[in-house]
C-alpha atoms as a PDB file:
ATOM      1  CA  MET A   1      -5.257  37.515 211.337  1.00  0.00           C
ATOM      2  CA  ILE A   2      -4.038  35.569 208.499  1.00  0.00           C
ATOM      3  CA  ASN A   3      -3.697  37.246 204.972  1.00  0.00           C
ATOM      4  CA  THR A   4      -4.671  35.127 202.200  1.00  0.00           C
ATOM      5  CA  GLY A   5      -3.513  37.224 199.477  1.00  0.00           C
ATOM      6  CA  HIS A   6      -6.926  37.661 197.935  1.00  0.00           C
ATOM      7  CA  ILE A   7      -8.303  41.077 196.849  1.00  0.00           C
ATOM      8  CA  PRO A   8     -11.523  42.089 198.196  1.00  0.00           C
ATOM      9  CA  LEU A   9     -14.211  42.020 195.772  1.00  0.00           C
ATOM     10  CA  ARG A  10     -16.345  45.405 195.024  1.00  0.00           C
ATOM     11  CA  PRO A  11     -19.865  45.516 194.748  1.00  0.00           C
ATOM     12  CA  ALA A  12     -21.389  45.433 191.067  1.00  0.00           C
ATOM     13  CA  SER A  13     -23.232  48.467 191.744  1.00  0.00           C
ATOM     14  CA  VAL A  14     -19.841  50.415 192.682  1.00  0.00           C
ATOM     15  CA  ILE A  15     -18.335  49.217 189.275  1.00  0.00           C
ATOM     16  CA  ARG A  16     -21.306  50.590 187.541  1.00  0.00           C
ATOM     17  CA  GLY A  17     -21.335  53.724 189.206  1.00  0.00           C
ATOM     18  CA  GLN A  18     -17.553  54.079 188.240  1.00  0.00           C
ATOM     19  CA  ARG A  19     -18.081  53.444 184.757  1.00  0.00           C
ATOM     20  CA  LEU A  20     -21.018  55.801 184.397  1.00  0.00           C
ATOM     21  CA  GLN A  21     -18.821  58.476 186.133  1.00  0.00           C
ATOM     22  CA  TYR A  22     -15.894  57.735 183.499  1.00  0.00           C
ATOM     23  CA  LYS A  23     -18.073  57.810 180.408  1.00  0.00           C
ATOM     24  CA  GLY A  24     -19.825  60.978 181.707  1.00  0.00           C
ATOM     25  CA  ALA A  25     -16.264  62.802 182.046  1.00  0.00           C
ATOM     26  CA  ARG A  26     -15.389  61.379 178.608  1.00  0.00           C
ATOM     27  CA  ARG A  27     -18.543  62.640 177.217  1.00  0.00           C
ATOM     28  CA  ARG A  28     -17.626  66.096 178.485  1.00  0.00           C
ATOM     29  CA  CYS A  29     -14.215  65.840 177.296  1.00  0.00           C
ATOM     30  CA  GLN A  30     -15.700  65.315 173.906  1.00  0.00           C
ATOM     31  CA  GLN A  31     -18.379  67.873 173.828  1.00  0.00           C
ATOM     32  CA  GLY A  32     -15.481  70.418 174.934  1.00  0.00           C
ATOM     33  CA  PHE A  33     -13.188  69.530 172.107  1.00  0.00           C
ATOM     34  CA  THR A  34     -15.776  69.659 169.529  1.00  0.00           C
ATOM     35  CA  LEU A  35     -16.804  73.104 170.670  1.00  0.00           C
ATOM     36  CA  LEU A  36     -13.213  74.374 170.550  1.00  0.00           C
ATOM     37  CA  GLU A  37     -12.965  72.972 167.035  1.00  0.00           C
ATOM     38  CA  VAL A  38     -16.093  74.934 166.057  1.00  0.00           C
ATOM     39  CA  VAL A  39     -14.508  78.265 167.664  1.00  0.00           C
ATOM     40  CA  ILE A  40     -11.319  77.323 165.729  1.00  0.00           C
ATOM     41  CA  ALA A  41     -13.100  77.085 162.244  1.00  0.00           C
ATOM     42  CA  ILE A  42     -15.041  80.313 162.717  1.00  0.00           C
ATOM     43  CA  ALA A  43     -11.937  82.339 163.418  1.00  0.00           C
ATOM     44  CA  LEU A  44     -10.203  80.607 160.547  1.00  0.00           C
ATOM     45  CA  THR A  45     -12.919  81.341 158.095  1.00  0.00           C
ATOM     46  CA  ALA A  46     -12.980  84.871 159.436  1.00  0.00           C
ATOM     47  CA  LEU A  47      -9.520  85.194 158.651  1.00  0.00           C
ATOM     48  CA  ILE A  48      -9.449  83.850 155.216  1.00  0.00           C
ATOM     49  CA  GLY A  49     -12.397  85.907 154.348  1.00  0.00           C
ATOM     50  CA  ILE A  50     -10.584  89.036 155.202  1.00  0.00           C
ATOM     51  CA  ALA A  51      -7.529  87.987 153.253  1.00  0.00           C
ATOM     52  CA  VAL A  52      -9.718  87.256 150.232  1.00  0.00           C
ATOM     53  CA  ALA A  53     -11.553  90.593 150.710  1.00  0.00           C
ATOM     54  CA  ALA A  54      -8.286  92.338 150.795  1.00  0.00           C
ATOM     55  CA  LEU A  55      -6.849  90.702 147.795  1.00  0.00           C
ATOM     56  CA  VAL A  56     -10.416  91.243 145.554  1.00  0.00           C
ATOM     57  CA  SER A  57      -9.863  95.181 146.595  1.00  0.00           C
ATOM     58  CA  GLN A  58      -6.240  95.060 145.288  1.00  0.00           C
ATOM     59  CA  LEU A  59      -7.255  93.454 142.159  1.00  0.00           C
ATOM     60  CA  VAL A  60      -9.837  95.994 141.629  1.00  0.00           C
ATOM     61  CA  ASP A  61      -7.698  98.871 142.476  1.00  0.00           C
ATOM     62  CA  SER A  62      -4.802  97.294 140.086  1.00  0.00           C
ATOM     63  CA  ARG A  63      -7.456  97.101 137.441  1.00  0.00           C
ATOM     64  CA  ASP A  64      -8.722 100.444 137.717  1.00  0.00           C
ATOM     65  CA  GLN A  65      -5.194 102.012 137.730  1.00  0.00           C
ATOM     66  CA  LEU A  66      -4.458 100.035 134.668  1.00  0.00           C
ATOM     67  CA  ALA A  67      -7.525 101.239 132.748  1.00  0.00           C
ATOM     68  CA  ARG A  68      -6.689 104.896 133.687  1.00  0.00           C
ATOM     69  CA  SER A  69      -3.314 104.323 132.496  1.00  0.00           C
ATOM     70  CA  GLN A  70      -3.898 102.402 129.307  1.00  0.00           C
ATOM     71  CA  PRO A  71      -5.071 105.691 127.355  1.00  0.00           C
ATOM     72  CA  HIS A  72      -1.345 107.138 128.125  1.00  0.00           C
ATOM     73  CA  VAL A  73       0.081 103.969 126.901  1.00  0.00           C
ATOM     74  CA  SER A  74      -1.841 103.992 123.295  1.00  0.00           C
ATOM     75  CA  ASP A  75      -1.420 108.022 122.967  1.00  0.00           C
ATOM     76  CA  SER A  76       2.226 107.618 123.609  1.00  0.00           C
ATOM     77  CA  ARG A  77       2.700 104.803 121.041  1.00  0.00           C
ATOM     78  CA  PHE A  78       0.791 106.980 118.452  1.00  0.00           C
ATOM     79  CA  MET A  79       2.664 109.961 119.194  1.00  0.00           C
ATOM     80  CA  ARG A  80       6.153 108.245 118.724  1.00  0.00           C
ATOM     81  CA  LEU A  81       4.851 106.552 115.448  1.00  0.00           C
ATOM     82  CA  LEU A  82       3.449 109.765 114.187  1.00  0.00           C
ATOM     83  CA  SER A  83       6.534 111.909 115.556  1.00  0.00           C
ATOM     84  CA  ARG A  84       9.079 109.657 113.492  1.00  0.00           C
ATOM     85  CA  ARG A  85       7.077 109.973 110.324  1.00  0.00           C
ATOM     86  CA  LEU A  86       6.855 113.757 110.759  1.00  0.00           C
ATOM     87  CA  ALA A  87      10.528 113.997 111.528  1.00  0.00           C
ATOM     88  CA  GLY A  88      11.211 112.315 108.020  1.00  0.00           C
ATOM     89  CA  LEU A  89       9.372 114.614 106.215  1.00  0.00           C
ATOM     90  CA  THR A  90      10.499 114.698 102.464  1.00  0.00           C
ATOM     91  CA  PRO A  91       9.415 117.264  99.890  1.00  0.00           C
ATOM     92  CA  ARG A  92       8.313 115.290  96.792  1.00  0.00           C
ATOM     93  CA  ALA A  93       5.640 115.870  94.211  1.00  0.00           C
ATOM     94  CA  LEU A  94       2.990 113.325  93.958  1.00  0.00           C
ATOM     95  CA  HIS A  95       0.470 112.174  91.392  1.00  0.00           C
ATOM     96  CA  ILE A  96      -2.677 110.111  91.642  1.00  0.00           C
ATOM     97  CA  GLN A  97      -4.263 109.474  88.001  1.00  0.00           C
ATOM     98  CA  GLY A  98      -1.907 111.831  86.466  1.00  0.00           C
ATOM     99  CA  GLN A  99      -2.718 114.476  88.814  1.00  0.00           C
ATOM    100  CA  ALA A 100      -0.332 116.606  91.288  1.00  0.00           C
ATOM    101  CA  GLN A 101      -1.551 116.007  94.686  1.00  0.00           C
ATOM    102  CA  LEU A 102       1.093 118.013  96.907  1.00  0.00           C
ATOM    103  CA  ASN A 103       2.394 121.192  95.944  1.00  0.00           C
ATOM    104  CA  GLN A 104       4.007 121.539  99.454  1.00  0.00           C
ATOM    105  CA  ALA A 105       5.892 119.242 101.777  1.00  0.00           C
ATOM    106  CA  LEU A 106       2.781 119.277 104.047  1.00  0.00           C
ATOM    107  CA  ASP A 107      -1.083 119.160 102.659  1.00  0.00           C
ATOM    108  CA  TYR A 108      -3.570 119.802 104.871  1.00  0.00           C
ATOM    109  CA  GLU A 109      -7.338 119.577 104.258  1.00  0.00           C
ATOM    110  CA  PRO A 110      -9.479 121.285 107.100  1.00  0.00           C
ATOM    111  CA  SER A 111     -12.826 119.895 106.410  1.00  0.00           C
ATOM    112  CA  PRO A 112     -11.925 116.292 106.423  1.00  0.00           C
ATOM    113  CA  HIS A 113      -9.051 116.978 108.962  1.00  0.00           C
ATOM    114  CA  ARG A 114      -6.453 115.301 106.846  1.00  0.00           C
ATOM    115  CA  LEU A 115      -2.697 115.853 106.829  1.00  0.00           C
ATOM    116  CA  SER A 116      -0.651 114.426 103.957  1.00  0.00           C
ATOM    117  CA  TRP A 117       3.128 114.097 103.689  1.00  0.00           C
ATOM    118  CA  VAL A 118       5.874 111.980 102.303  1.00  0.00           C
ATOM    119  CA  SER A 119       8.344 110.651 104.863  1.00  0.00           C
ATOM    120  CA  ALA A 120      11.823 108.672 104.241  1.00  0.00           C
ATOM    121  CA  ASP A 121      11.550 107.035 107.750  1.00  0.00           C
ATOM    122  CA  ASP A 122      10.279 103.475 106.630  1.00  0.00           C
ATOM    123  CA  TRP A 123      12.114 100.573 105.676  1.00  0.00           C
ATOM    124  CA  PRO A 124      13.034 100.383 101.932  1.00  0.00           C
ATOM    125  CA  LEU A 125      10.366  98.861  99.849  1.00  0.00           C
ATOM    126  CA  PRO A 126      10.585  97.487  96.198  1.00  0.00           C
ATOM    127  CA  VAL A 127       8.973  99.681  93.655  1.00  0.00           C
ATOM    128  CA  GLY A 128       9.559  98.506  90.000  1.00  0.00           C
ATOM    129  CA  ASP A 129      13.291  97.938  89.235  1.00  0.00           C
ATOM    130  CA  HIS A 130      14.466  99.968  92.520  1.00  0.00           C
ATOM    131  CA  TYR A 131      14.134 100.342  96.309  1.00  0.00           C
ATOM    132  CA  THR A 132      12.964 103.353  98.102  1.00  0.00           C
ATOM    133  CA  ARG A 133      12.219 104.323 101.462  1.00  0.00           C
ATOM    134  CA  LEU A 134       9.876 106.930 100.746  1.00  0.00           C
ATOM    135  CA  ARG A 135       6.121 106.540 101.424  1.00  0.00           C
ATOM    136  CA  ARG A 136       3.025 108.607 101.684  1.00  0.00           C
ATOM    137  CA  GLN A 137       1.887 109.345 105.172  1.00  0.00           C
ATOM    138  CA  GLN A 138      -1.428 110.564 106.258  1.00  0.00           C
ATOM    139  CA  LEU A 139      -3.025 111.571 109.392  1.00  0.00           C
ATOM    140  CA  HIS A 140      -6.952 111.569 109.403  1.00  0.00           C
ATOM    141  CA  TRP A 141      -9.249 112.263 112.179  1.00  0.00           C
ATOM    142  CA  GLN A 142     -12.685 110.817 111.495  1.00  0.00           C
ATOM    143  CA  ALA A 143     -14.823 112.966 113.554  1.00  0.00           C
ATOM    144  CA  ARG A 144     -17.889 110.925 113.308  1.00  0.00           C
ATOM    145  CA  GLN A 145     -16.394 107.897 114.314  1.00  0.00           C
ATOM    146  CA  GLN A 146     -14.062 109.439 116.885  1.00  0.00           C
ATOM    147  CA  ARG A 147     -10.976 108.087 115.589  1.00  0.00           C
ATOM    148  CA  LEU A 148      -7.586 109.203 114.753  1.00  0.00           C
ATOM    149  CA  VAL A 149      -5.944 107.084 112.079  1.00  0.00           C
ATOM    150  CA  LEU A 150      -2.187 107.075 111.200  1.00  0.00           C
ATOM    151  CA  SER A 151      -1.760 105.355 107.850  1.00  0.00           C
ATOM    152  CA  SER A 152       0.891 104.900 104.866  1.00  0.00           C
ATOM    153  CA  ASN A 153       1.337 103.740 101.336  1.00  0.00           C
ATOM    154  CA  GLY A 154       4.147 103.005  99.131  1.00  0.00           C
ATOM    155  CA  LEU A 155       2.869 104.400  96.045  1.00  0.00           C
ATOM    156  CA  LEU A 156       3.822 107.619  95.251  1.00  0.00           C
ATOM    157  CA  ASP A 157       2.613 107.788  91.809  1.00  0.00           C
ATOM    158  CA  ALA A 158      -0.429 105.894  91.838  1.00  0.00           C
ATOM    159  CA  ILE A 159      -2.927 105.274  88.933  1.00  0.00           C
ATOM    160  CA  ASN A 160      -5.581 104.232  90.847  1.00  0.00           C
ATOM    161  CA  PRO A 161      -6.908 105.391  94.241  1.00  0.00           C
ATOM    162  CA  LEU A 162      -4.745 104.555  97.107  1.00  0.00           C
ATOM    163  CA  GLN A 163      -5.504 101.692  99.558  1.00  0.00           C
ATOM    164  CA  TRP A 164      -3.991 102.933 102.671  1.00  0.00           C
ATOM    165  CA  GLN A 165      -2.608 100.820 105.255  1.00  0.00           C
ATOM    166  CA  THR A 166      -3.489 101.501 108.980  1.00  0.00           C
ATOM    167  CA  VAL A 167      -0.366 102.064 111.162  1.00  0.00           C
ATOM    168  CA  ALA A 168      -2.068 102.945 114.223  1.00  0.00           C
ATOM    169  CA  GLN A 169      -5.131 104.488 115.484  1.00  0.00           C
ATOM    170  CA  LEU A 170      -6.807 105.980 118.669  1.00  0.00           C
ATOM    171  CA  GLU A 171     -10.369 105.388 119.338  1.00  0.00           C
ATOM    172  CA  HIS A 172     -12.727 107.626 121.163  1.00  0.00           C
ATOM    173  CA  VAL A 173     -10.958 111.048 120.172  1.00  0.00           C
ATOM    174  CA  THR A 174     -13.601 113.473 120.734  1.00  0.00           C
ATOM    175  CA  GLN A 175     -11.597 116.781 119.636  1.00  0.00           C
ATOM    176  CA  PHE A 176      -8.771 117.440 117.339  1.00  0.00           C
ATOM    177  CA  ASP A 177      -7.080 120.466 116.266  1.00  0.00           C
ATOM    178  CA  ILE A 178      -3.557 121.205 114.314  1.00  0.00           C
ATOM    179  CA  ALA A 179      -1.474 124.113 113.757  1.00  0.00           C
ATOM    180  CA  PHE A 180       1.667 124.682 111.863  1.00  0.00           C
ATOM    181  CA  TYR A 181       4.670 126.878 113.141  1.00  0.00           C
ATOM    182  CA  ASP A 182       6.110 129.326 110.532  1.00  0.00           C
ATOM    183  CA  GLY A 183       8.965 130.838 112.584  1.00  0.00           C
ATOM    184  CA  ALA A 184       6.750 133.744 113.799  1.00  0.00           C
ATOM    185  CA  ARG A 185       3.390 132.175 114.852  1.00  0.00           C
ATOM    186  CA  TRP A 186       1.034 129.411 114.710  1.00  0.00           C
ATOM    187  CA  ARG A 187      -0.949 129.125 111.614  1.00  0.00           C
ATOM    188  CA  PRO A 188      -4.157 127.025 110.768  1.00  0.00           C
ATOM    189  CA  THR A 189      -2.539 125.885 107.371  1.00  0.00           C
ATOM    190  CA  PRO A 190       0.859 124.874 106.369  1.00  0.00           C
ATOM    191  CA  SER A 191       3.219 127.020 104.090  1.00  0.00           C
ATOM    192  CA  ALA A 192       6.535 126.742 102.398  1.00  0.00           C
ATOM    193  CA  THR A 193       8.184 128.187 105.781  1.00  0.00           C
ATOM    194  CA  THR A 194       6.565 125.752 108.161  1.00  0.00           C
ATOM    195  CA  GLN A 195       8.959 124.682 110.640  1.00  0.00           C
ATOM    196  CA  GLY A 196       6.824 122.731 113.251  1.00  0.00           C
ATOM    197  CA  VAL A 197       3.600 121.040 113.909  1.00  0.00           C
ATOM    198  CA  ARG A 198       1.395 121.420 116.972  1.00  0.00           C
ATOM    199  CA  LEU A 199      -1.328 118.733 117.438  1.00  0.00           C
ATOM    200  CA  ASN A 200      -3.990 118.718 120.181  1.00  0.00           C
ATOM    201  CA  TRP A 201      -6.404 115.850 120.832  1.00  0.00           C
ATOM    202  CA  ARG A 202      -9.115 114.857 123.941  1.00  0.00           C
ATOM    203  CA  ARG A 203      -9.315 111.161 124.449  1.00  0.00           C
ATOM    204  CA  ALA A 204     -11.095 109.632 127.346  1.00  0.00           C
ATOM    205  CA  GLY A 205     -11.370 112.996 128.858  1.00  0.00           C
ATOM    206  CA  GLN A 206      -7.699 113.628 128.944  1.00  0.00           C
ATOM    207  CA  ASP A 207      -6.047 116.312 126.751  1.00  0.00           C
ATOM    208  CA  GLN A 208      -2.962 115.645 124.793  1.00  0.00           C
ATOM    209  CA  VAL A 209      -0.539 117.711 123.214  1.00  0.00           C
ATOM    210  CA  MET A 210       2.252 116.851 120.563  1.00  0.00           C
ATOM    211  CA  LEU A 211       4.880 119.186 119.080  1.00  0.00           C
ATOM    212  CA  VAL A 212       7.173 118.086 116.484  1.00  0.00           C
ATOM    213  CA  ARG A 213       9.972 120.159 114.806  1.00  0.00           C
ATOM    214  CA  LEU A 214      10.158 119.635 111.035  1.00  0.00           C
ATOM    215  CA  PRO A 215      13.399 119.122 109.198  1.00  0.00           C
ATOM    216  CA  ASP A 216      14.465 121.871 106.988  1.00  0.00           C
ATOM    217  CA  THR A 217      13.298 121.122 103.502  1.00  0.00           C
ATOM    218  CA  ALA A 218      14.556 124.141 101.922  1.00  0.00           C
ATOM    219  CA  PRO A 219      16.031 123.533  98.598  1.00  0.00           C
END
């Protein structure tokens, strides 16, 4: 037999069958890949959701912790300012409209819960033709407003009623108590022998205690 080099032709039906088989296989591959993508997308979505939930939980915990610690920060700052001014206690007679206001270094009015004194702890301020570091100080618990206010004024001998300048204040102070140590025991009012001050207040459900040793003001 002589080989002419020609490739025998396949019937058209065979070619169509092979094409259909190829398309079917390709379609199955495409369907399987799409399903894999869906599974991967679901897994990634779940992982992202878990990560976001963990992050939100951490943020909420951090916010709650900051909210709990914030009263301590405010109280600490208030104590620091008050302690510095009490430590600078200076005996000095005061007058308002010509009337003497302080006969002792500390003047406490129990009914309005107001403590007044003169401190030499602030920066020098011009008063007339001279400078002075002396300033009036006042600690006032406003029971109805539940507010504890530390304020000051540079006029030692005022002609008109004083306009106090707020130095610091605490909100939500539901209780306040003050006692004065005379060297033997704690008393509800100050005296000429007062050596220390103890302040107690309750704020945001937490009790705060502050002790201040006063300078020796004996002549």
